[in-house]
Amino acid sequence: MEGWIKLHRKILDNPIVCKDNDTLAIWIYLLLNATHQDIPALFKGKKITLKKGQLITGILSIANNLSINKDKVQRTLKLFESDKQIEQQTSNKNRLISILNWDKYQEIDNQNDKQMINKCETDDKQMITNKNERIKEIYIYGQTTGQENIFDNVDVELEEIKKQKWKIQFDEFYNAYPRKVKKQDVKKWFEKNKPSNELFSSMMNSLEQFRASKDWQKDGGQYIPYPSTWLNQKRWEDEEVKPETKIQEIQKSDGGRQTC
């Protein structure tokens, strides 16, 4: 996702958002990942249109990206919802979050904003052009400086990014998959299949549910299939898996006894 957001100074006056570092991080994560224009998406197995200020995500996805406990993420989202900062719709795989008052703080509503955006876009394009020209000098024409590694993370032309998208998907999937084996087989799968954005989103949402399932969590994860097996069998198309509930965890730790 590209572009920028406005971070209003009024955020400092909000005791909910500024409750602690984790809460603030989760709020900014939502702002950064919300769409700024209407786009098609898939939610609860149906095609929908994501409106400005909405995003589809999951508890585990936020927790993994921010290295925050998933229970803390759950509590924080409920806190935002109670404070009328967001609205949520949940499914067994993910949740649709709508940031309230998005238009009030994020809409481009004056000439100064438009001028600033135009200037930023012009500067960004020039910077990318300069970097790409330097890359050509190094990697095509052999004009090295001894500092080639400083260009490892530079932006390249859009078409090149599209060609390499499967590598980004492979990295994200393999990093999220709890069993780190047969890495080259996984890489070959992504290189061959090159899943669409919609399919990859569905795969990752399903993987999130499998990670939270009791079958994958029991006995140290020994029943987790190889990642290449999960991909080849299209396990993301399986019936929705149910995560183990807190009640089930307590009953297990208590020897199966139930209390009134």
Protein backbone atom coordinates (compact mmCIF):
# COMPACT_ATOMS: atom_id res chain seq x y z
CA MET A 1 0.00 0.00 0.00
CA GLU A 2 1.36 3.38 -1.01
CA GLY A 3 0.73 7.00 -0.04
CA TRP A 4 0.45 8.77 3.28
CA ILE A 5 -2.10 9.67 5.95
CA LYS A 6 -2.77 12.71 8.08
CA LEU A 7 -1.94 12.30 11.76
CA HIS A 8 -3.91 15.02 13.51
CA ARG A 9 -2.52 16.63 16.67
CA LYS A 10 -5.87 16.01 18.35
CA ILE A 11 -4.76 12.43 18.76
CA LEU A 12 -2.70 13.61 21.75
CA ASP A 13 -5.92 14.68 23.49
CA ASN A 14 -7.50 11.24 23.12
CA PRO A 15 -6.98 9.25 26.35
CA ILE A 16 -8.16 6.04 24.70
CA VAL A 17 -5.81 6.06 21.70
CA CYS A 18 -2.88 7.34 23.80
CA LYS A 19 -3.51 4.91 26.65
CA ASP A 20 -0.16 3.19 26.07
CA ASN A 21 2.34 2.46 23.30
CA ASP A 22 0.60 -0.71 22.11
CA THR A 23 -2.79 0.99 21.86
CA LEU A 24 -1.33 3.88 19.88
CA ALA A 25 0.53 1.45 17.59
CA ILE A 26 -2.68 -0.47 16.87
CA TRP A 27 -4.56 2.76 16.07
CA ILE A 28 -1.87 3.95 13.65
CA TYR A 29 -1.78 0.45 12.09
CA LEU A 30 -5.51 0.74 11.35
CA LEU A 31 -5.05 4.21 9.85
CA LEU A 32 -2.16 3.09 7.64
CA ASN A 33 -3.95 -0.01 6.37
CA ALA A 34 -7.37 1.53 5.75
CA THR A 35 -8.18 2.12 2.09
CA HIS A 36 -8.33 5.71 0.85
CA GLN A 37 -10.59 4.89 -2.09
CA ASP A 38 -13.34 2.43 -2.97
CA ILE A 39 -11.87 -0.96 -3.93
CA PRO A 40 -13.36 -4.46 -4.46
CA ALA A 41 -12.79 -7.05 -1.74
CA LEU A 42 -13.99 -10.43 -0.48
CA PHE A 43 -15.67 -10.72 2.94
CA LYS A 44 -17.70 -13.63 4.32
CA GLY A 45 -17.38 -15.30 0.93
CA LYS A 46 -19.07 -12.40 -0.87
CA LYS A 47 -17.71 -9.64 -3.06
CA ILE A 48 -18.03 -6.24 -1.43
CA THR A 49 -16.73 -2.72 -1.99
CA LEU A 50 -14.38 -1.44 0.66
CA LYS A 51 -15.17 2.19 1.37
CA LYS A 52 -12.68 4.86 2.39
CA GLY A 53 -11.54 4.27 5.95
CA GLN A 54 -12.24 0.51 5.92
CA LEU A 55 -9.92 -2.49 6.04
CA ILE A 56 -10.16 -6.26 6.28
CA THR A 57 -7.75 -7.75 8.78
CA GLY A 58 -7.55 -10.19 11.69
CA ILE A 59 -6.45 -10.32 15.30
CA LEU A 60 -3.46 -12.56 14.58
CA SER A 61 -2.42 -10.47 11.59
CA ILE A 62 -2.28 -7.29 13.69
CA ALA A 63 -0.59 -9.13 16.56
CA ASN A 64 2.11 -10.63 14.32
CA ASN A 65 2.81 -7.40 12.45
CA LEU A 66 3.15 -5.33 15.63
CA SER A 67 4.55 -8.05 17.94
CA ILE A 68 1.70 -7.42 20.38
CA ASN A 69 -0.16 -10.13 22.31
CA LYS A 70 -3.32 -11.17 20.45
CA ASP A 71 -5.45 -10.80 23.58
CA LYS A 72 -4.24 -7.21 23.93
CA VAL A 73 -5.19 -6.57 20.29
CA GLN A 74 -8.66 -8.04 20.91
CA ARG A 75 -9.21 -5.86 23.99
CA THR A 76 -7.94 -2.75 22.21
CA LEU A 77 -10.27 -3.17 19.25
CA LYS A 78 -13.22 -3.59 21.62
CA LEU A 79 -12.07 -0.45 23.42
CA PHE A 80 -11.98 1.51 20.16
CA GLU A 81 -15.42 0.18 19.30
CA SER A 82 -16.87 1.19 22.68
CA ASP A 83 -15.38 4.65 22.29
CA LYS A 84 -17.02 5.03 18.85
CA GLN A 85 -13.64 5.17 17.11
CA ILE A 86 -14.40 2.15 14.90
CA GLU A 87 -17.13 -0.27 13.92
CA GLN A 88 -16.47 -3.99 13.41
CA GLN A 89 -18.05 -6.85 11.52
CA THR A 90 -16.53 -10.25 12.24
CA SER A 91 -16.46 -13.57 10.45
CA ASN A 92 -14.81 -16.89 11.26
CA LYS A 93 -11.80 -15.90 9.16
CA ASN A 94 -11.32 -12.14 9.57
CA ARG A 95 -13.02 -8.88 10.39
CA LEU A 96 -14.13 -5.76 8.55
CA ILE A 97 -13.15 -2.60 10.43
CA SER A 98 -14.58 0.83 9.63
CA ILE A 99 -12.77 3.86 11.04
CA LEU A 100 -15.38 6.41 12.05
CA ASN A 101 -14.80 10.12 11.26
CA TRP A 102 -12.34 9.11 8.54
CA ASP A 103 -13.55 11.85 6.21
CA LYS A 104 -13.27 14.47 8.94
CA TYR A 105 -9.54 13.98 9.42
CA GLN A 106 -8.30 12.32 6.22
CA GLU A 107 -10.19 13.93 3.34
CA ILE A 108 -8.34 16.35 1.07
CA ASP A 109 -10.40 19.43 1.73
CA ASN A 110 -8.35 22.42 0.70
CA GLN A 111 -5.94 23.73 -1.92
CA ASN A 112 -2.92 23.46 0.37
CA ASP A 113 -3.41 19.70 0.74
CA LYS A 114 -3.63 19.28 -3.02
CA GLN A 115 -0.50 21.35 -3.60
CA MET A 116 1.39 19.36 -0.98
CA ILE A 117 0.32 16.04 -2.53
CA ASN A 118 1.37 17.18 -6.00
CA LYS A 119 4.76 18.26 -4.68
CA CYS A 120 5.27 14.97 -2.78
CA GLU A 121 4.32 12.90 -5.83
CA THR A 122 6.69 14.92 -8.04
CA ASP A 123 9.55 14.58 -5.55
CA ASP A 124 8.91 10.84 -5.13
CA LYS A 125 8.89 10.24 -8.89
CA GLN A 126 12.14 12.17 -9.31
CA MET A 127 13.77 10.25 -6.44
CA ILE A 128 12.70 6.90 -7.91
CA THR A 129 13.94 7.92 -11.35
CA ASN A 130 17.32 8.93 -9.94
CA LYS A 131 17.63 5.67 -8.00
CA ASN A 132 16.67 3.57 -11.00
CA GLU A 133 19.20 5.36 -13.18
CA ARG A 134 21.89 4.67 -10.61
CA ILE A 135 20.84 1.00 -10.47
CA LYS A 136 21.26 0.79 -14.25
CA GLU A 137 24.72 2.30 -13.96
CA ILE A 138 25.72 -0.32 -11.42
CA TYR A 139 24.00 -3.48 -12.59
CA ILE A 140 23.76 -2.89 -16.34
CA TYR A 141 26.76 -0.77 -17.21
CA GLY A 142 29.08 -2.05 -14.48
CA GLN A 143 29.87 1.38 -13.04
CA THR A 144 30.41 0.26 -9.46
CA THR A 145 31.37 2.37 -6.45
CA GLY A 146 32.09 -0.33 -3.90
CA GLN A 147 28.84 0.49 -2.07
CA GLU A 148 26.35 -1.50 -4.17
CA ASN A 149 24.63 -2.90 -1.08
CA ILE A 150 23.07 0.50 -0.30
CA PHE A 151 20.70 -0.10 -3.20
CA ASP A 152 19.28 -3.38 -1.89
CA ASN A 153 15.96 -1.85 -0.82
CA VAL A 154 15.42 0.89 -3.39
CA ASP A 155 12.17 1.21 -5.35
CA VAL A 156 12.20 -0.07 -8.91
CA GLU A 157 9.84 0.50 -11.80
CA LEU A 158 6.24 -0.62 -11.34
CA GLU A 159 6.39 -3.37 -13.96
CA GLU A 160 9.40 -4.89 -12.30
CA ILE A 161 7.61 -4.86 -8.96
CA LYS A 162 4.67 -6.71 -10.51
CA LYS A 163 7.01 -9.37 -11.89
CA GLN A 164 8.55 -9.90 -8.47
CA LYS A 165 5.27 -9.84 -6.50
CA TRP A 166 5.29 -13.62 -6.01
CA LYS A 167 8.57 -13.33 -4.10
CA ILE A 168 7.00 -10.88 -1.66
CA GLN A 169 4.02 -13.21 -1.25
CA PHE A 170 6.36 -16.17 -0.70
CA ASP A 171 8.27 -14.33 2.03
CA GLU A 172 5.08 -13.25 3.81
CA PHE A 173 3.56 -16.73 3.66
CA TYR A 174 6.69 -18.61 4.74
CA ASN A 175 7.36 -16.20 7.61
CA ALA A 176 3.77 -16.65 8.84
CA TYR A 177 3.70 -20.46 8.47
CA PRO A 178 4.59 -22.09 11.82
CA ARG A 179 6.49 -25.08 10.38
CA LYS A 180 9.69 -24.00 8.65
CA VAL A 181 10.53 -26.91 6.31
CA LYS A 182 10.79 -27.51 2.55
CA LYS A 183 11.38 -23.81 1.89
CA GLN A 184 12.47 -24.31 -1.71
CA ASP A 185 9.32 -26.30 -2.49
CA VAL A 186 7.22 -23.43 -1.16
CA LYS A 187 9.21 -20.95 -3.24
CA LYS A 188 8.72 -23.04 -6.38
CA TRP A 189 4.95 -23.16 -5.73
CA PHE A 190 4.68 -19.38 -5.59
CA GLU A 191 6.91 -18.90 -8.63
CA LYS A 192 4.73 -21.31 -10.64
CA ASN A 193 1.26 -20.27 -9.44
CA LYS A 194 1.71 -16.52 -8.81
CA PRO A 195 -1.58 -16.12 -6.89
CA SER A 196 -3.72 -13.03 -7.43
CA ASN A 197 -4.08 -10.47 -4.65
CA GLU A 198 -7.56 -11.74 -3.87
CA LEU A 199 -6.46 -15.39 -3.70
CA PHE A 200 -3.40 -14.57 -1.60
CA SER A 201 -5.54 -12.59 0.84
CA SER A 202 -7.87 -15.57 1.15
CA MET A 203 -4.91 -17.91 1.71
CA MET A 204 -3.45 -15.74 4.46
CA ASN A 205 -6.78 -15.30 6.20
CA SER A 206 -7.28 -19.07 6.18
CA LEU A 207 -3.73 -19.66 7.43
CA GLU A 208 -4.46 -17.35 10.35
CA GLN A 209 -7.39 -19.57 11.33
CA PHE A 210 -5.34 -22.76 11.02
CA ARG A 211 -2.62 -21.26 13.24
CA ALA A 212 -5.20 -20.65 15.96
CA SER A 213 -6.84 -24.09 15.64
CA LYS A 214 -6.49 -26.69 18.38
CA ASP A 215 -5.15 -29.30 15.92
CA TRP A 216 -2.19 -27.11 15.04
CA GLN A 217 -1.51 -26.08 18.63
CA LYS A 218 -1.59 -29.46 20.34
CA ASP A 219 1.46 -31.65 21.02
CA GLY A 220 3.93 -28.95 20.07
CA GLY A 221 2.51 -28.53 16.58
CA GLN A 222 3.48 -32.00 15.37
CA TYR A 223 0.27 -32.28 13.33
CA ILE A 224 0.98 -29.18 11.26
CA PRO A 225 1.52 -30.29 7.64
CA TYR A 226 4.50 -29.20 5.58
CA PRO A 227 3.83 -25.79 4.03
CA SER A 228 4.24 -27.23 0.53
CA THR A 229 1.63 -29.89 1.37
CA TRP A 230 -0.78 -27.23 2.63
CA LEU A 231 -0.35 -25.32 -0.63
CA ASN A 232 -0.54 -28.28 -3.01
CA GLN A 233 -3.70 -29.57 -1.33
CA LYS A 234 -5.29 -26.09 -1.39
CA ARG A 235 -6.07 -26.37 2.28
CA TRP A 236 -7.27 -22.76 2.36
CA GLU A 237 -10.40 -24.08 0.64
CA ASP A 238 -11.19 -26.39 3.57
CA GLU A 239 -14.18 -25.74 5.78
CA GLU A 240 -13.58 -22.97 8.25
CA VAL A 241 -11.57 -24.15 11.23
CA LYS A 242 -12.51 -23.11 14.72
CA PRO A 243 -9.88 -21.79 17.13
CA GLU A 244 -9.66 -23.35 20.56
CA THR A 245 -11.63 -21.31 23.06
CA LYS A 246 -10.42 -20.14 26.45
CA ILE A 247 -13.00 -22.41 28.12
CA GLN A 248 -11.53 -25.43 26.34
CA GLU A 249 -8.01 -24.42 27.41
CA ILE A 250 -9.12 -24.06 31.06
CA GLN A 251 -10.91 -27.42 31.00
CA LYS A 252 -7.79 -29.11 29.64
CA SER A 253 -5.56 -27.57 32.32
CA ASP A 254 -8.13 -28.57 34.97
CA GLY A 255 -8.20 -32.20 33.91
CA GLY A 256 -11.50 -31.90 32.09
CA ARG A 257 -13.44 -30.89 35.23
CA GLN A 258 -16.22 -28.34 34.84
CA THR A 259 -17.26 -25.92 37.54
CA CYS A 260 -20.54 -24.12 38.09
